[in-house]
Amino acid sequence: MNQVAKKKLSPQAPENKILFLREYFLTPHKMGAIVPSSTALAREIVRLAHVADSSVIVEYGAGTGSFTKEILRRKRRDASFLAIESNPCMVEILRQRFPDLTVLQNSVEDTPRLLQQQHLALADCIVSGLPWSSFSGDLQDRLLEATLQALRPSSTFVTFAYPHALFLPGGIRFRRKINRLFSDVAVSNIIWNNLPPALIYHCVK
């Protein structure tokens, strides 16, 4: 593969940053950010999710692959990994970058059914890149219900939020919901090396 092709497949390549920005302005309620997540955030997300110890891994909203790349780097060779992305442009990028990865263009709401279709057991961890604070209460309920159905007991759900969104109605609502639905919820320190800075929710079923 030539250097131009490699550049196009990188989540930090200018072409993909422009695509990410375009998709944000077209569907800001689905994107949540104007640029892909940083390597620093991806590494901490994957560490807190215990990806290295998981047999079945699911990623929500894989985007251009910032978290995906780190999951693939850290997961066990025999682990199963399913990436779910609803945006067709992002799906195409993911399939080009990671040709051996199972990338499904679906809603996260279908996760339990998708695991069954792929003949996979319940997930040991779910890593989410979704902008939860921008979702309606009803959509949050449906996606969180699907998440709980897709996770085995005592497994891990990890997602992130931006500090400025914590005080928005959607952010407050999401925090209350995960505190009610999960047995334990921990919040990380702020990851400053990200645009914008972010913090991580580590939730145990």
Protein backbone atom coordinates (compact mmCIF):
# COMPACT_ATOMS: atom_id res chain seq x y z
CA MET A 1 0.00 0.00 0.00
CA ASN A 2 1.47 3.42 -0.92
CA GLN A 3 1.97 6.28 1.54
CA VAL A 4 -1.04 8.22 0.23
CA ALA A 5 -3.35 5.29 0.88
CA LYS A 6 -1.91 4.81 4.36
CA LYS A 7 -2.49 8.47 5.12
CA LYS A 8 -6.13 8.26 4.11
CA LEU A 9 -6.71 5.34 6.43
CA SER A 10 -5.43 7.13 9.54
CA PRO A 11 -8.04 8.67 11.88
CA GLN A 12 -5.76 11.70 12.31
CA ALA A 13 -5.19 12.19 8.56
CA PRO A 14 -6.42 15.59 7.26
CA GLU A 15 -8.94 13.89 4.96
CA ASN A 16 -10.56 12.04 7.84
CA LYS A 17 -10.49 15.07 10.13
CA ILE A 18 -12.36 16.99 7.44
CA LEU A 19 -14.83 14.12 7.09
CA PHE A 20 -15.31 14.03 10.86
CA LEU A 21 -15.95 17.78 10.93
CA ARG A 22 -18.40 17.56 8.03
CA GLU A 23 -20.35 14.75 9.68
CA TYR A 24 -20.43 16.72 12.93
CA PHE A 25 -22.10 19.69 11.27
CA LEU A 26 -24.52 17.41 9.42
CA THR A 27 -25.47 15.36 12.51
CA PRO A 28 -24.08 17.00 15.69
CA HIS A 29 -26.45 14.97 17.89
CA LYS A 30 -24.79 11.78 16.64
CA MET A 31 -21.15 12.90 16.52
CA GLY A 32 -20.64 14.89 19.71
CA ALA A 33 -17.11 16.08 18.78
CA ILE A 34 -15.49 17.91 15.89
CA VAL A 35 -12.31 15.79 15.78
CA PRO A 36 -11.51 12.14 16.56
CA SER A 37 -10.55 11.22 20.12
CA SER A 38 -6.87 11.39 21.08
CA THR A 39 -4.52 8.48 21.62
CA ALA A 40 -4.28 9.43 25.30
CA LEU A 41 -8.05 9.11 25.78
CA ALA A 42 -8.16 5.88 23.76
CA ARG A 43 -5.44 4.26 25.87
CA GLU A 44 -7.12 5.15 29.14
CA ILE A 45 -10.57 4.04 27.93
CA VAL A 46 -9.18 0.67 26.83
CA ARG A 47 -7.24 0.22 30.06
CA LEU A 48 -10.27 0.93 32.25
CA ALA A 49 -12.42 -1.39 30.15
CA HIS A 50 -10.03 -4.30 30.88
CA VAL A 51 -9.91 -5.08 27.17
CA ALA A 52 -6.76 -7.17 27.61
CA ASP A 53 -8.67 -9.57 29.90
CA SER A 54 -11.86 -9.78 27.80
CA SER A 55 -13.06 -12.59 25.55
CA VAL A 56 -15.90 -10.65 23.85
CA ILE A 57 -15.44 -6.92 23.19
CA VAL A 58 -17.99 -4.52 21.69
CA GLU A 59 -17.33 -0.96 20.58
CA TYR A 60 -20.13 1.58 20.16
CA GLY A 61 -19.72 4.42 17.67
CA ALA A 62 -16.32 3.40 16.36
CA GLY A 63 -16.03 6.51 14.17
CA THR A 64 -12.74 6.62 12.29
CA GLY A 65 -11.11 4.09 14.61
CA SER A 66 -9.33 5.98 17.40
CA PHE A 67 -10.51 3.53 20.06
CA THR A 68 -10.65 0.64 17.60
CA LYS A 69 -6.92 0.79 16.92
CA GLU A 70 -6.11 0.70 20.63
CA ILE A 71 -8.55 -2.16 21.27
CA LEU A 72 -6.93 -4.21 18.52
CA ARG A 73 -3.50 -3.46 19.98
CA ARG A 74 -4.46 -4.54 23.51
CA LYS A 75 -6.93 -7.40 23.04
CA ARG A 76 -6.02 -11.06 23.28
CA ARG A 77 -5.46 -12.85 20.00
CA ASP A 78 -8.34 -15.24 20.69
CA ALA A 79 -10.80 -12.51 21.77
CA SER A 80 -13.81 -11.61 19.62
CA PHE A 81 -14.27 -7.94 18.76
CA LEU A 82 -17.40 -6.40 17.25
CA ALA A 83 -17.48 -2.72 16.18
CA ILE A 84 -20.85 -1.03 15.69
CA GLU A 85 -21.16 2.25 13.75
CA SER A 86 -24.30 3.78 12.24
CA ASN A 87 -22.66 6.37 9.96
CA PRO A 88 -21.99 4.82 6.51
CA CYS A 89 -19.01 7.12 5.81
CA MET A 90 -17.35 6.07 9.04
CA VAL A 91 -18.15 2.42 8.37
CA GLU A 92 -16.33 2.64 5.05
CA ILE A 93 -13.25 4.14 6.71
CA LEU A 94 -13.25 1.45 9.39
CA ARG A 95 -13.54 -1.36 6.85
CA GLN A 96 -10.64 0.07 4.86
CA ARG A 97 -8.43 0.58 7.91
CA PHE A 98 -9.24 -2.73 9.60
CA PRO A 99 -10.18 -5.24 6.87
CA ASP A 100 -10.15 -8.19 9.28
CA LEU A 101 -12.45 -6.52 11.81
CA THR A 102 -16.20 -7.18 11.95
CA VAL A 103 -17.75 -3.73 11.48
CA LEU A 104 -21.55 -3.59 11.45
CA GLN A 105 -23.56 -0.61 10.22
CA ASN A 106 -26.30 -0.73 12.81
CA SER A 107 -27.82 1.02 15.77
CA VAL A 108 -26.41 0.22 19.19
CA GLU A 109 -29.98 -0.61 20.14
CA ASP A 110 -29.53 -3.86 18.16
CA THR A 111 -26.43 -5.00 20.09
CA PRO A 112 -27.99 -8.07 21.80
CA ARG A 113 -29.34 -9.32 18.47
CA LEU A 114 -26.06 -8.60 16.68
CA LEU A 115 -24.12 -10.65 19.21
CA GLN A 116 -26.47 -13.56 18.62
CA GLN A 117 -26.17 -13.19 14.85
CA GLN A 118 -22.39 -13.32 15.13
CA HIS A 119 -22.67 -16.39 17.40
CA LEU A 120 -20.98 -14.53 20.24
CA ALA A 121 -21.54 -14.78 23.97
CA LEU A 122 -22.48 -11.78 26.07
CA ALA A 123 -19.84 -9.07 26.15
CA ASP A 124 -17.12 -8.86 28.78
CA CYS A 125 -16.72 -5.17 28.04
CA ILE A 126 -18.36 -2.46 25.97
CA VAL A 127 -16.38 0.62 24.95
CA SER A 128 -18.54 3.54 23.88
CA GLY A 129 -17.73 6.61 21.83
CA LEU A 130 -21.34 7.80 21.71
CA PRO A 131 -22.31 11.40 22.66
CA TRP A 132 -24.74 10.39 25.42
CA SER A 133 -25.41 13.91 26.67
CA SER A 134 -26.85 14.93 23.29
CA PHE A 135 -29.38 12.06 23.25
CA SER A 136 -33.00 12.34 24.36
CA GLY A 137 -34.03 10.61 27.57
CA ASP A 138 -35.96 7.99 25.61
CA LEU A 139 -32.98 7.18 23.38
CA GLN A 140 -30.67 6.97 26.38
CA ASP A 141 -33.10 4.51 27.98
CA ARG A 142 -33.25 2.28 24.91
CA LEU A 143 -29.50 2.21 24.36
CA LEU A 144 -28.69 1.60 28.01
CA GLU A 145 -31.26 -1.21 28.16
CA ALA A 146 -29.62 -2.81 25.12
CA THR A 147 -26.23 -2.37 26.81
CA LEU A 148 -27.35 -4.16 29.96
CA GLN A 149 -28.82 -6.99 27.90
CA ALA A 150 -25.56 -7.35 25.96
CA LEU A 151 -23.28 -7.47 29.02
CA ARG A 152 -22.62 -10.53 31.15
CA PRO A 153 -22.85 -10.14 34.96
CA SER A 154 -20.02 -8.13 36.57
CA SER A 155 -18.80 -6.94 33.16
CA THR A 156 -17.72 -3.42 32.23
CA PHE A 157 -19.22 -0.54 30.29
CA VAL A 158 -16.87 2.39 29.66
CA THR A 159 -17.70 5.68 28.02
CA PHE A 160 -16.55 9.29 28.19
CA ALA A 161 -18.00 12.77 28.56
CA TYR A 162 -16.78 16.32 28.19
CA PRO A 163 -16.72 18.39 31.40
CA HIS A 164 -18.76 21.19 29.85
CA ALA A 165 -21.54 18.69 29.02
CA LEU A 166 -21.86 17.36 32.57
CA PHE A 167 -24.16 20.21 33.50
CA LEU A 168 -26.35 20.06 30.42
CA PRO A 169 -29.75 18.38 30.91
CA GLY A 170 -28.69 15.36 28.83
CA GLY A 171 -25.45 14.96 30.75
CA ILE A 172 -27.16 15.19 34.14
CA ARG A 173 -29.84 12.73 33.00
CA PHE A 174 -27.25 10.24 31.71
CA ARG A 175 -25.25 10.32 34.96
CA ARG A 176 -28.40 9.65 36.99
CA LYS A 177 -29.35 6.75 34.74
CA ILE A 178 -26.00 4.96 34.90
CA ASN A 179 -25.84 5.44 38.67
CA ARG A 180 -29.23 3.74 38.92
CA LEU A 181 -28.63 0.95 36.41
CA PHE A 182 -25.07 -0.16 37.23
CA SER A 183 -23.81 -1.62 40.49
CA ASP A 184 -20.76 0.65 40.52
CA VAL A 185 -19.86 3.82 38.62
CA ALA A 186 -16.45 5.51 38.90
CA VAL A 187 -15.33 8.74 37.23
CA SER A 188 -11.75 9.29 36.09
CA ASN A 189 -9.65 12.41 36.35
CA ILE A 190 -9.88 14.73 33.37
CA ILE A 191 -7.86 13.64 30.32
CA TRP A 192 -6.44 16.98 29.27
CA ASN A 193 -4.68 15.66 26.17
CA ASN A 194 -7.89 15.50 24.16
CA LEU A 195 -9.95 18.04 22.20
CA PRO A 196 -11.99 18.93 24.12
CA PRO A 197 -10.70 17.51 27.45
CA ALA A 198 -12.70 14.49 28.61
CA LEU A 199 -13.39 12.29 31.60
CA ILE A 200 -14.29 8.61 31.65
CA TYR A 201 -17.20 6.75 33.22
CA HIS A 202 -16.28 3.21 34.33
CA CYS A 203 -19.48 1.27 34.99
CA VAL A 204 -19.80 -2.29 36.32
CA LYS A 205 -22.97 -4.25 35.70
